[in-house]
Amino acid sequence: MLVNLDDVAFWMDAIRNSENHFGVLESFWKGQLKSKEWLIHNLHSCTDETIPNNIVIHGGWNGVLACMLFNSSINTGFVRSIDIDESCEETANMICKRQEMIGNFRAVTADMCTYEYEFDPQIVINTSTEHITQEQYNTWLERVPDNSLIVLQSNNYYDLPEHIRCYDTVEDFAAHSGLSYIVKQETLELPLYNRFLLIGRK
């Protein structure tokens, strides 16, 4: 994946301007970037290349996945990056500044369980399913527009206290996903844990 050099410059601005430099740098750890690149690679074959795909990302964090989508071969239209942590909004808007300036990106501080969709997205991504309870997940899934392609990630990394909904295998993850139709079900082996990916529909 080739990244626009203007985006790299905005990444540096985001790190420099943040009050939590280390927190922003965490977004660029090798495992984080590899997991996002893997997601995009698998998503590409499931997208319609003839139209811009409008996307909502839940657990969008500092906006790195959104920026990588804009730099990928996926035909990416509008992207909304949703995170409950209000400190992420300014950072994500800077990391995606090139697209934010032309109206294609906006970071929003919101709870995924109560988020009101501004448009019907072709794709809805949730990379933070391990951070919410099954009840919260069910509430979130119910609110996802029916026609959206849904992309989910989880892992088996139980060691972090904030990981409250991990699974041993991708099959276990799929069984609790609430998706009625799964297009892709993949596992990425990383040094400390396995990352799981599901792509499908309700």
N, C-alpha and C. Protein backbone atom coordinates (compact mmCIF):
# COMPACT_ATOMS: atom_id res chain seq x y z
N MET A 1 0.85 -1.20 0.00
CA MET A 1 0.00 0.00 0.00
C MET A 1 0.88 1.25 0.00
N LEU A 2 0.70 2.11 -0.99
CA LEU A 2 1.41 3.38 -1.05
C LEU A 2 0.62 4.44 -0.30
N VAL A 3 1.29 5.20 0.53
CA VAL A 3 0.64 6.24 1.33
C VAL A 3 1.05 7.61 0.81
N ASN A 4 0.08 8.48 0.61
CA ASN A 4 0.33 9.83 0.16
C ASN A 4 1.24 10.55 1.16
N LEU A 5 2.28 11.20 0.67
CA LEU A 5 3.24 11.86 1.55
C LEU A 5 2.60 12.99 2.35
N ASP A 6 1.59 13.63 1.79
CA ASP A 6 0.88 14.66 2.56
C ASP A 6 0.21 14.05 3.79
N ASP A 7 -0.31 12.82 3.65
CA ASP A 7 -0.91 12.15 4.80
C ASP A 7 0.14 11.86 5.87
N VAL A 8 1.33 11.43 5.44
CA VAL A 8 2.40 11.16 6.41
C VAL A 8 2.75 12.43 7.18
N ALA A 9 2.78 13.55 6.50
CA ALA A 9 3.07 14.83 7.17
C ALA A 9 1.98 15.16 8.19
N PHE A 10 0.73 14.90 7.84
CA PHE A 10 -0.36 15.15 8.79
C PHE A 10 -0.30 14.18 9.97
N TRP A 11 0.17 12.94 9.75
CA TRP A 11 0.37 12.02 10.86
C TRP A 11 1.37 12.61 11.86
N MET A 12 2.45 13.17 11.35
CA MET A 12 3.46 13.76 12.23
C MET A 12 2.89 14.95 12.99
N ASP A 13 2.05 15.74 12.31
CA ASP A 13 1.40 16.87 12.98
C ASP A 13 0.48 16.37 14.10
N ALA A 14 -0.24 15.30 13.84
CA ALA A 14 -1.14 14.76 14.85
C ALA A 14 -0.39 14.30 16.09
N ILE A 15 0.75 13.64 15.88
CA ILE A 15 1.56 13.18 17.02
C ILE A 15 2.13 14.38 17.77
N ARG A 16 2.65 15.35 17.03
CA ARG A 16 3.27 16.52 17.63
C ARG A 16 2.25 17.36 18.41
N ASN A 17 1.03 17.48 17.89
CA ASN A 17 0.03 18.35 18.50
C ASN A 17 -0.72 17.71 19.66
N SER A 18 -0.63 16.40 19.79
CA SER A 18 -1.39 15.70 20.82
C SER A 18 -0.78 15.89 22.21
N GLU A 19 -1.64 15.95 23.21
CA GLU A 19 -1.15 15.99 24.59
C GLU A 19 -0.71 14.60 25.05
N ASN A 20 -1.10 13.58 24.30
CA ASN A 20 -0.74 12.20 24.62
C ASN A 20 0.03 11.61 23.44
N HIS A 21 1.29 12.01 23.28
CA HIS A 21 2.09 11.58 22.15
C HIS A 21 2.16 10.05 22.05
N PHE A 22 2.39 9.39 23.19
CA PHE A 22 2.55 7.94 23.19
C PHE A 22 1.24 7.27 22.77
N GLY A 23 0.11 7.82 23.22
CA GLY A 23 -1.18 7.26 22.87
C GLY A 23 -1.43 7.28 21.37
N VAL A 24 -1.00 8.35 20.72
CA VAL A 24 -1.16 8.43 19.26
C VAL A 24 -0.18 7.49 18.58
N LEU A 25 1.03 7.42 19.09
CA LEU A 25 2.03 6.52 18.50
C LEU A 25 1.60 5.06 18.57
N GLU A 26 0.81 4.70 19.59
CA GLU A 26 0.30 3.32 19.69
C GLU A 26 -0.48 2.92 18.44
N SER A 27 -1.12 3.90 17.80
CA SER A 27 -1.90 3.63 16.59
C SER A 27 -1.02 3.12 15.45
N PHE A 28 0.28 3.40 15.55
CA PHE A 28 1.20 3.04 14.47
C PHE A 28 2.09 1.85 14.82
N TRP A 29 1.78 1.15 15.90
CA TRP A 29 2.53 -0.06 16.22
C TRP A 29 2.37 -1.05 15.08
N LYS A 30 3.39 -1.89 14.90
CA LYS A 30 3.42 -2.82 13.78
C LYS A 30 2.17 -3.71 13.74
N GLY A 31 1.76 -4.24 14.90
CA GLY A 31 0.59 -5.11 14.94
C GLY A 31 -0.68 -4.38 14.55
N GLN A 32 -0.78 -3.12 14.95
CA GLN A 32 -1.96 -2.32 14.59
C GLN A 32 -2.02 -2.10 13.09
N LEU A 33 -0.91 -1.70 12.51
CA LEU A 33 -0.88 -1.43 11.07
C LEU A 33 -1.11 -2.71 10.26
N LYS A 34 -0.50 -3.81 10.71
CA LYS A 34 -0.65 -5.08 9.99
C LYS A 34 -2.10 -5.54 10.03
N SER A 35 -2.76 -5.39 11.19
CA SER A 35 -4.16 -5.79 11.31
C SER A 35 -5.06 -4.98 10.40
N LYS A 36 -4.77 -3.69 10.28
CA LYS A 36 -5.58 -2.82 9.42
C LYS A 36 -5.33 -3.12 7.94
N GLU A 37 -4.09 -3.34 7.58
CA GLU A 37 -3.77 -3.69 6.20
C GLU A 37 -4.45 -5.01 5.82
N TRP A 38 -4.44 -5.96 6.74
CA TRP A 38 -5.08 -7.26 6.53
C TRP A 38 -6.58 -7.10 6.35
N LEU A 39 -7.20 -6.27 7.18
CA LEU A 39 -8.63 -5.99 7.03
C LEU A 39 -8.94 -5.43 5.65
N ILE A 40 -8.17 -4.44 5.23
CA ILE A 40 -8.41 -3.80 3.94
C ILE A 40 -8.22 -4.78 2.79
N HIS A 41 -7.20 -5.62 2.88
CA HIS A 41 -6.95 -6.63 1.84
C HIS A 41 -8.15 -7.56 1.68
N ASN A 42 -8.70 -8.02 2.80
CA ASN A 42 -9.85 -8.93 2.75
C ASN A 42 -11.12 -8.20 2.33
N LEU A 43 -11.27 -6.95 2.73
CA LEU A 43 -12.46 -6.19 2.38
C LEU A 43 -12.52 -5.86 0.90
N HIS A 44 -11.36 -5.66 0.29
CA HIS A 44 -11.33 -5.21 -1.11
C HIS A 44 -12.13 -6.12 -2.03
N SER A 45 -12.00 -7.42 -1.86
CA SER A 45 -12.69 -8.36 -2.75
C SER A 45 -14.19 -8.40 -2.52
N CYS A 46 -14.66 -7.76 -1.45
CA CYS A 46 -16.10 -7.77 -1.13
C CYS A 46 -16.79 -6.46 -1.49
N THR A 47 -16.06 -5.52 -2.08
CA THR A 47 -16.62 -4.20 -2.33
C THR A 47 -16.98 -4.02 -3.80
N ASP A 48 -17.86 -3.07 -4.03
CA ASP A 48 -18.26 -2.68 -5.38
C ASP A 48 -17.33 -1.56 -5.83
N GLU A 49 -16.50 -1.84 -6.82
CA GLU A 49 -15.52 -0.86 -7.26
C GLU A 49 -16.11 0.21 -8.17
N THR A 50 -17.37 0.02 -8.59
CA THR A 50 -17.98 0.97 -9.53
C THR A 50 -18.58 2.18 -8.83
N ILE A 51 -18.73 2.11 -7.50
CA ILE A 51 -19.29 3.24 -6.75
C ILE A 51 -18.41 3.55 -5.55
N PRO A 52 -18.40 4.81 -5.10
CA PRO A 52 -17.69 5.13 -3.86
C PRO A 52 -18.39 4.47 -2.67
N ASN A 53 -17.63 3.77 -1.86
CA ASN A 53 -18.19 3.12 -0.69
C ASN A 53 -18.16 4.07 0.50
N ASN A 54 -19.32 4.50 0.96
CA ASN A 54 -19.41 5.31 2.16
C ASN A 54 -19.31 4.39 3.37
N ILE A 55 -18.48 4.78 4.33
CA ILE A 55 -18.08 3.86 5.41
C ILE A 55 -18.23 4.53 6.77
N VAL A 56 -18.73 3.77 7.75
CA VAL A 56 -18.73 4.19 9.15
C VAL A 56 -17.85 3.21 9.92
N ILE A 57 -16.88 3.76 10.66
CA ILE A 57 -15.97 2.94 11.46
C ILE A 57 -16.28 3.17 12.94
N HIS A 58 -16.65 2.12 13.65
CA HIS A 58 -16.86 2.20 15.09
C HIS A 58 -15.60 1.71 15.79
N GLY A 59 -15.22 2.43 16.85
CA GLY A 59 -13.92 2.17 17.46
C GLY A 59 -12.82 2.70 16.55
N GLY A 60 -13.11 3.83 15.90
CA GLY A 60 -12.19 4.41 14.91
C GLY A 60 -10.90 4.93 15.49
N TRP A 61 -10.86 5.13 16.81
CA TRP A 61 -9.65 5.51 17.55
C TRP A 61 -9.06 6.78 16.94
N ASN A 62 -7.81 6.74 16.53
CA ASN A 62 -7.14 7.96 16.05
C ASN A 62 -7.22 8.15 14.54
N GLY A 63 -8.04 7.36 13.87
CA GLY A 63 -8.30 7.59 12.45
C GLY A 63 -7.35 6.93 11.48
N VAL A 64 -6.46 6.07 11.97
CA VAL A 64 -5.46 5.47 11.08
C VAL A 64 -6.11 4.53 10.06
N LEU A 65 -7.08 3.72 10.50
CA LEU A 65 -7.75 2.82 9.55
C LEU A 65 -8.44 3.63 8.45
N ALA A 66 -9.10 4.70 8.82
CA ALA A 66 -9.76 5.55 7.82
C ALA A 66 -8.75 6.07 6.80
N CYS A 67 -7.62 6.55 7.29
CA CYS A 67 -6.60 7.10 6.38
C CYS A 67 -6.04 6.01 5.47
N MET A 68 -5.86 4.81 6.00
CA MET A 68 -5.37 3.71 5.18
C MET A 68 -6.40 3.30 4.13
N LEU A 69 -7.68 3.38 4.46
CA LEU A 69 -8.72 3.09 3.48
C LEU A 69 -8.67 4.09 2.33
N PHE A 70 -8.46 5.36 2.65
CA PHE A 70 -8.37 6.39 1.61
C PHE A 70 -7.15 6.15 0.70
N ASN A 71 -6.11 5.55 1.26
CA ASN A 71 -4.90 5.28 0.49
C ASN A 71 -4.91 3.91 -0.19
N SER A 72 -5.97 3.15 0.00
CA SER A 72 -6.04 1.80 -0.54
C SER A 72 -6.69 1.81 -1.92
N SER A 73 -6.79 0.62 -2.51
CA SER A 73 -7.43 0.48 -3.82
C SER A 73 -8.94 0.34 -3.71
N ILE A 74 -9.49 0.36 -2.49
CA ILE A 74 -10.94 0.36 -2.31
C ILE A 74 -11.48 1.73 -2.71
N ASN A 75 -12.54 1.75 -3.48
CA ASN A 75 -13.19 2.99 -3.89
C ASN A 75 -13.90 3.57 -2.67
N THR A 76 -13.23 4.48 -1.97
CA THR A 76 -13.72 4.99 -0.69
C THR A 76 -14.34 6.37 -0.87
N GLY A 77 -15.58 6.52 -0.39
CA GLY A 77 -16.29 7.79 -0.47
C GLY A 77 -16.17 8.55 0.83
N PHE A 78 -17.30 8.76 1.52
CA PHE A 78 -17.30 9.41 2.82
C PHE A 78 -16.93 8.40 3.90
N VAL A 79 -16.17 8.85 4.89
CA VAL A 79 -15.87 8.01 6.05
C VAL A 79 -16.18 8.79 7.31
N ARG A 80 -16.92 8.15 8.21
CA ARG A 80 -17.14 8.69 9.55
C ARG A 80 -16.44 7.76 10.53
N SER A 81 -15.59 8.33 11.38
CA SER A 81 -14.83 7.56 12.37
C SER A 81 -15.41 7.86 13.74
N ILE A 82 -16.03 6.86 14.37
CA ILE A 82 -16.74 7.03 15.63
C ILE A 82 -15.92 6.46 16.77
N ASP A 83 -15.77 7.24 17.83
CA ASP A 83 -15.10 6.72 19.03
C ASP A 83 -15.67 7.42 20.25
N ILE A 84 -15.81 6.69 21.34
CA ILE A 84 -16.38 7.24 22.56
C ILE A 84 -15.38 8.14 23.30
N ASP A 85 -14.10 7.99 23.00
CA ASP A 85 -13.04 8.78 23.63
C ASP A 85 -12.93 10.13 22.92
N GLU A 86 -13.30 11.20 23.61
CA GLU A 86 -13.34 12.52 22.96
C GLU A 86 -11.96 13.01 22.54
N SER A 87 -10.90 12.48 23.13
CA SER A 87 -9.55 12.92 22.75
C SER A 87 -9.17 12.44 21.36
N CYS A 88 -9.90 11.46 20.84
CA CYS A 88 -9.57 10.91 19.52
C CYS A 88 -10.03 11.81 18.38
N GLU A 89 -11.05 12.62 18.62
CA GLU A 89 -11.66 13.37 17.53
C GLU A 89 -10.69 14.33 16.85
N GLU A 90 -10.01 15.15 17.62
CA GLU A 90 -9.07 16.11 17.03
C GLU A 90 -7.92 15.40 16.34
N THR A 91 -7.41 14.32 16.97
CA THR A 91 -6.29 13.59 16.39
C THR A 91 -6.70 12.93 15.07
N ALA A 92 -7.87 12.29 15.05
CA ALA A 92 -8.33 11.62 13.83
C ALA A 92 -8.56 12.61 12.70
N ASN A 93 -9.11 13.76 13.02
CA ASN A 93 -9.33 14.78 11.99
C ASN A 93 -8.00 15.29 11.42
N MET A 94 -6.95 15.28 12.24
CA MET A 94 -5.64 15.69 11.74
C MET A 94 -4.99 14.57 10.92
N ILE A 95 -5.09 13.34 11.39
CA ILE A 95 -4.50 12.23 10.65
C ILE A 95 -5.15 12.09 9.27
N CYS A 96 -6.43 12.40 9.19
CA CYS A 96 -7.16 12.33 7.91
C CYS A 96 -7.40 13.73 7.34
N LYS A 97 -6.52 14.67 7.64
CA LYS A 97 -6.75 16.07 7.31
C LYS A 97 -6.96 16.30 5.82
N ARG A 98 -6.23 15.58 4.99
CA ARG A 98 -6.34 15.79 3.55
C ARG A 98 -7.77 15.50 3.07
N GLN A 99 -8.38 14.46 3.61
CA GLN A 99 -9.75 14.12 3.24
C GLN A 99 -10.77 14.96 4.02
N GLU A 100 -10.42 15.33 5.24
CA GLU A 100 -11.31 16.17 6.05
C GLU A 100 -11.51 17.52 5.40
N MET A 101 -10.46 18.06 4.78
CA MET A 101 -10.54 19.39 4.18
C MET A 101 -11.47 19.43 2.97
N ILE A 102 -11.67 18.28 2.30
CA ILE A 102 -12.55 18.26 1.14
C ILE A 102 -13.91 17.63 1.46
N GLY A 103 -14.16 17.42 2.76
CA GLY A 103 -15.47 16.96 3.19
C GLY A 103 -15.71 15.46 3.12
N ASN A 104 -14.65 14.69 2.92
CA ASN A 104 -14.82 13.23 2.80
C ASN A 104 -14.61 12.49 4.11
N PHE A 105 -14.17 13.20 5.15
CA PHE A 105 -13.91 12.54 6.44
C PHE A 105 -14.35 13.43 7.59
N ARG A 106 -14.89 12.78 8.61
CA ARG A 106 -15.15 13.48 9.86
C ARG A 106 -15.08 12.49 11.01
N ALA A 107 -14.37 12.86 12.06
CA ALA A 107 -14.34 12.07 13.29
C ALA A 107 -15.46 12.57 14.20
N VAL A 108 -16.12 11.65 14.86
CA VAL A 108 -17.26 11.97 15.72
C VAL A 108 -17.08 11.31 17.07
N THR A 109 -17.28 12.07 18.14
CA THR A 109 -17.26 11.51 19.49
C THR A 109 -18.67 11.03 19.81
N ALA A 110 -18.83 9.73 19.96
CA ALA A 110 -20.15 9.17 20.23
C ALA A 110 -20.02 7.75 20.76
N ASP A 111 -21.05 7.31 21.46
CA ASP A 111 -21.17 5.92 21.91
C ASP A 111 -21.74 5.12 20.75
N MET A 112 -21.06 4.06 20.34
CA MET A 112 -21.52 3.26 19.20
C MET A 112 -22.93 2.70 19.41
N CYS A 113 -23.32 2.52 20.68
CA CYS A 113 -24.63 1.93 20.97
C CYS A 113 -25.78 2.91 20.78
N THR A 114 -25.47 4.20 20.69
CA THR A 114 -26.52 5.20 20.52
C THR A 114 -26.29 6.07 19.29
N TYR A 115 -25.28 5.76 18.50
CA TYR A 115 -24.93 6.59 17.34
C TYR A 115 -26.07 6.62 16.33
N GLU A 116 -26.40 7.84 15.85
CA GLU A 116 -27.42 8.03 14.83
C GLU A 116 -26.73 8.16 13.47
N TYR A 117 -27.03 7.26 12.56
CA TYR A 117 -26.39 7.27 11.25
C TYR A 117 -26.85 8.47 10.43
N GLU A 118 -25.88 9.23 9.87
CA GLU A 118 -26.18 10.39 9.03
C GLU A 118 -26.55 9.99 7.62
N PHE A 119 -26.12 8.81 7.20
CA PHE A 119 -26.36 8.30 5.85
C PHE A 119 -26.37 6.78 5.93
N ASP A 120 -26.86 6.14 4.87
CA ASP A 120 -26.85 4.68 4.82
C ASP A 120 -25.52 4.22 4.23
N PRO A 121 -24.62 3.73 5.06
CA PRO A 121 -23.29 3.35 4.56
C PRO A 121 -23.31 2.03 3.83
N GLN A 122 -22.45 1.93 2.81
CA GLN A 122 -22.26 0.64 2.17
C GLN A 122 -21.54 -0.34 3.10
N ILE A 123 -20.67 0.21 3.95
CA ILE A 123 -19.83 -0.62 4.82
C ILE A 123 -19.84 -0.05 6.24
N VAL A 124 -20.02 -0.92 7.23
CA VAL A 124 -19.89 -0.55 8.64
C VAL A 124 -18.82 -1.44 9.25
N ILE A 125 -17.83 -0.83 9.85
CA ILE A 125 -16.69 -1.55 10.44
C ILE A 125 -16.70 -1.36 11.95
N ASN A 126 -16.47 -2.44 12.68
CA ASN A 126 -16.31 -2.35 14.14
C ASN A 126 -15.06 -3.13 14.52
N THR A 127 -14.01 -2.39 14.87
CA THR A 127 -12.73 -3.01 15.24
C THR A 127 -12.57 -3.13 16.75
N SER A 128 -13.62 -2.83 17.51
CA SER A 128 -13.50 -2.79 18.98
C SER A 128 -14.49 -3.70 19.67
N THR A 129 -14.85 -4.81 19.03
CA THR A 129 -15.87 -5.67 19.62
C THR A 129 -15.41 -6.33 20.92
N GLU A 130 -14.10 -6.42 21.13
CA GLU A 130 -13.61 -7.02 22.38
C GLU A 130 -13.71 -6.06 23.56
N HIS A 131 -14.03 -4.79 23.29
CA HIS A 131 -14.10 -3.77 24.35
C HIS A 131 -15.51 -3.57 24.89
N ILE A 132 -16.50 -4.29 24.35
CA ILE A 132 -17.88 -4.10 24.79
C ILE A 132 -18.50 -5.43 25.17
N THR A 133 -19.53 -5.39 26.03
CA THR A 133 -20.21 -6.60 26.45
C THR A 133 -21.06 -7.15 25.31
N GLN A 134 -21.52 -8.39 25.45
CA GLN A 134 -22.40 -8.96 24.43
C GLN A 134 -23.70 -8.16 24.32
N GLU A 135 -24.20 -7.68 25.45
CA GLU A 135 -25.43 -6.86 25.43
C GLU A 135 -25.20 -5.57 24.65
N GLN A 136 -24.09 -4.91 24.90
CA GLN A 136 -23.77 -3.69 24.16
C GLN A 136 -23.59 -3.99 22.68
N TYR A 137 -22.92 -5.09 22.38
CA TYR A 137 -22.72 -5.48 20.99
C TYR A 137 -24.05 -5.70 20.28
N ASN A 138 -24.96 -6.40 20.94
CA ASN A 138 -26.27 -6.66 20.34
C ASN A 138 -27.02 -5.36 20.07
N THR A 139 -26.92 -4.41 20.99
CA THR A 139 -27.56 -3.11 20.82
C THR A 139 -26.95 -2.38 19.63
N TRP A 140 -25.61 -2.42 19.53
CA TRP A 140 -24.93 -1.78 18.40
C TRP A 140 -25.36 -2.40 17.08
N LEU A 141 -25.36 -3.74 17.02
CA LEU A 141 -25.67 -4.44 15.78
C LEU A 141 -27.10 -4.14 15.32
N GLU A 142 -28.02 -4.05 16.25
CA GLU A 142 -29.41 -3.78 15.92
C GLU A 142 -29.56 -2.44 15.19
N ARG A 143 -28.68 -1.48 15.52
CA ARG A 143 -28.78 -0.14 14.94
C ARG A 143 -28.08 -0.01 13.58
N VAL A 144 -27.28 -1.00 13.21
CA VAL A 144 -26.59 -0.95 11.92
C VAL A 144 -27.62 -1.06 10.80
N PRO A 145 -27.58 -0.16 9.81
CA PRO A 145 -28.52 -0.24 8.68
C PRO A 145 -28.49 -1.63 8.03
N ASP A 146 -29.67 -2.12 7.69
CA ASP A 146 -29.84 -3.51 7.23
C ASP A 146 -29.03 -3.85 5.99
N ASN A 147 -28.84 -2.90 5.08
CA ASN A 147 -28.18 -3.22 3.81
C ASN A 147 -26.66 -3.08 3.85
N SER A 148 -26.12 -2.71 5.00
CA SER A 148 -24.67 -2.49 5.10
C SER A 148 -23.89 -3.79 5.17
N LEU A 149 -22.75 -3.82 4.49
CA LEU A 149 -21.79 -4.89 4.68
C LEU A 149 -21.08 -4.62 6.01
N ILE A 150 -20.99 -5.64 6.86
CA ILE A 150 -20.46 -5.46 8.21
C ILE A 150 -19.10 -6.14 8.32
N VAL A 151 -18.13 -5.41 8.86
CA VAL A 151 -16.77 -5.91 9.05
C VAL A 151 -16.46 -5.88 10.54
N LEU A 152 -16.10 -7.02 11.10
CA LEU A 152 -15.85 -7.14 12.54
C LEU A 152 -14.45 -7.68 12.80
N GLN A 153 -13.82 -7.14 13.84
CA GLN A 153 -12.55 -7.70 14.30
C GLN A 153 -12.62 -7.98 15.80
N SER A 154 -11.97 -9.04 16.22
CA SER A 154 -11.78 -9.34 17.63
C SER A 154 -10.44 -10.06 17.76
N ASN A 155 -10.19 -10.65 18.92
CA ASN A 155 -8.91 -11.34 19.13
C ASN A 155 -9.03 -12.30 20.31
N ASN A 156 -7.93 -13.00 20.60
CA ASN A 156 -7.87 -13.88 21.77
C ASN A 156 -6.86 -13.34 22.79
N TYR A 157 -6.73 -12.02 22.85
CA TYR A 157 -5.76 -11.39 23.75
C TYR A 157 -6.44 -11.03 25.07
N TYR A 158 -6.52 -12.01 25.97
CA TYR A 158 -7.24 -11.87 27.22
C TYR A 158 -6.48 -11.06 28.28
N ASP A 159 -5.20 -10.80 28.05
CA ASP A 159 -4.36 -10.23 29.09
C ASP A 159 -4.67 -8.77 29.41
N LEU A 160 -5.32 -8.06 28.50
CA LEU A 160 -5.67 -6.67 28.76
C LEU A 160 -7.00 -6.59 29.51
N PRO A 161 -7.04 -5.87 30.64
CA PRO A 161 -8.29 -5.78 31.42
C PRO A 161 -9.46 -5.22 30.62
N GLU A 162 -9.18 -4.33 29.66
CA GLU A 162 -10.26 -3.72 28.88
C GLU A 162 -10.81 -4.66 27.80
N HIS A 163 -10.16 -5.80 27.60
CA HIS A 163 -10.66 -6.79 26.66
C HIS A 163 -11.64 -7.71 27.39
N ILE A 164 -12.92 -7.40 27.28
CA ILE A 164 -13.93 -8.10 28.07
C ILE A 164 -14.76 -9.09 27.24
N ARG A 165 -14.46 -9.18 25.95
CA ARG A 165 -15.25 -10.06 25.07
C ARG A 165 -14.35 -10.68 23.99
N CYS A 166 -13.36 -11.42 24.44
CA CYS A 166 -12.45 -12.10 23.51
C CYS A 166 -12.97 -13.51 23.22
N TYR A 167 -12.38 -14.13 22.22
CA TYR A 167 -12.75 -15.50 21.85
C TYR A 167 -11.50 -16.32 21.58
N ASP A 168 -11.62 -17.64 21.76
CA ASP A 168 -10.48 -18.52 21.53
C ASP A 168 -10.21 -18.71 20.04
N THR A 169 -11.29 -18.75 19.25
CA THR A 169 -11.15 -19.02 17.82
C THR A 169 -12.08 -18.11 17.03
N VAL A 170 -11.82 -18.02 15.73
CA VAL A 170 -12.68 -17.22 14.87
C VAL A 170 -14.06 -17.87 14.75
N GLU A 171 -14.13 -19.19 14.89
CA GLU A 171 -15.42 -19.87 14.87
C GLU A 171 -16.28 -19.46 16.06
N ASP A 172 -15.66 -19.34 17.24
CA ASP A 172 -16.39 -18.86 18.42
C ASP A 172 -16.88 -17.43 18.21
N PHE A 173 -16.01 -16.61 17.64
CA PHE A 173 -16.36 -15.22 17.34
C PHE A 173 -17.55 -15.17 16.40
N ALA A 174 -17.52 -15.98 15.36
CA ALA A 174 -18.61 -15.99 14.38
C ALA A 174 -19.92 -16.43 15.02
N ALA A 175 -19.85 -17.40 15.93
CA ALA A 175 -21.06 -17.92 16.57
C ALA A 175 -21.76 -16.88 17.42
N HIS A 176 -21.02 -15.89 17.91
CA HIS A 176 -21.59 -14.83 18.74
C HIS A 176 -21.76 -13.51 18.00
N SER A 177 -21.55 -13.52 16.69
CA SER A 177 -21.54 -12.27 15.92
C SER A 177 -22.92 -11.75 15.55
N GLY A 178 -23.91 -12.62 15.53
CA GLY A 178 -25.24 -12.21 15.12
C GLY A 178 -25.40 -12.02 13.62
N LEU A 179 -24.37 -12.38 12.84
CA LEU A 179 -24.45 -12.25 11.39
C LEU A 179 -25.12 -13.50 10.81
N SER A 180 -26.07 -13.30 9.92
CA SER A 180 -26.76 -14.43 9.32
C SER A 180 -26.06 -14.94 8.07
N TYR A 181 -25.21 -14.09 7.49
CA TYR A 181 -24.50 -14.47 6.26
C TYR A 181 -23.07 -13.97 6.37
N ILE A 182 -22.10 -14.88 6.38
CA ILE A 182 -20.69 -14.52 6.52
C ILE A 182 -19.96 -14.81 5.22
N VAL A 183 -19.36 -13.77 4.64
CA VAL A 183 -18.62 -13.88 3.38
C VAL A 183 -17.20 -14.33 3.63
N LYS A 184 -16.58 -13.74 4.66
CA LYS A 184 -15.19 -14.07 5.00
C LYS A 184 -15.07 -14.30 6.49
N GLN A 185 -14.24 -15.28 6.84
CA GLN A 185 -13.97 -15.64 8.23
C GLN A 185 -12.49 -16.00 8.30
N GLU A 186 -11.67 -15.08 8.84
CA GLU A 186 -10.22 -15.22 8.72
C GLU A 186 -9.53 -15.04 10.08
N THR A 187 -8.33 -15.60 10.18
CA THR A 187 -7.50 -15.46 11.38
C THR A 187 -6.12 -14.98 10.96
N LEU A 188 -5.62 -13.97 11.66
CA LEU A 188 -4.27 -13.47 11.45
C LEU A 188 -3.44 -13.79 12.68
N GLU A 189 -2.39 -14.58 12.51
CA GLU A 189 -1.54 -14.94 13.64
C GLU A 189 -0.48 -13.86 13.86
N LEU A 190 -0.51 -13.27 15.04
CA LEU A 190 0.46 -12.26 15.44
C LEU A 190 1.29 -12.81 16.59
N PRO A 191 2.43 -12.18 16.92
CA PRO A 191 3.31 -12.76 17.96
C PRO A 191 2.65 -12.98 19.31
N LEU A 192 1.78 -12.05 19.75
CA LEU A 192 1.19 -12.15 21.08
C LEU A 192 -0.23 -12.70 21.10
N TYR A 193 -0.90 -12.68 19.97
CA TYR A 193 -2.30 -13.10 19.93
C TYR A 193 -2.73 -13.32 18.49
N ASN A 194 -3.93 -13.84 18.32
CA ASN A 194 -4.53 -14.00 17.01
C ASN A 194 -5.62 -12.94 16.82
N ARG A 195 -5.64 -12.32 15.64
CA ARG A 195 -6.68 -11.36 15.28
C ARG A 195 -7.71 -12.08 14.41
N PHE A 196 -8.98 -11.86 14.72
CA PHE A 196 -10.06 -12.50 13.97
C PHE A 196 -10.81 -11.47 13.14
N LEU A 197 -11.27 -11.91 11.98
CA LEU A 197 -11.99 -11.02 11.06
C LEU A 197 -13.22 -11.74 10.52
N LEU A 198 -14.35 -11.03 10.55
CA LEU A 198 -15.58 -11.49 9.93
C LEU A 198 -16.09 -10.41 9.00
N ILE A 199 -16.55 -10.80 7.82
CA ILE A 199 -17.21 -9.89 6.90
C ILE A 199 -18.53 -10.55 6.49
N GLY A 200 -19.63 -9.85 6.69
CA GLY A 200 -20.93 -10.43 6.36
C GLY A 200 -22.07 -9.46 6.51
N ARG A 201 -23.26 -10.00 6.65
CA ARG A 201 -24.47 -9.18 6.76
C ARG A 201 -25.37 -9.74 7.87
N LYS A 202 -26.26 -8.86 8.34
CA LYS A 202 -27.20 -9.27 9.39
C LYS A 202 -28.20 -10.30 8.84
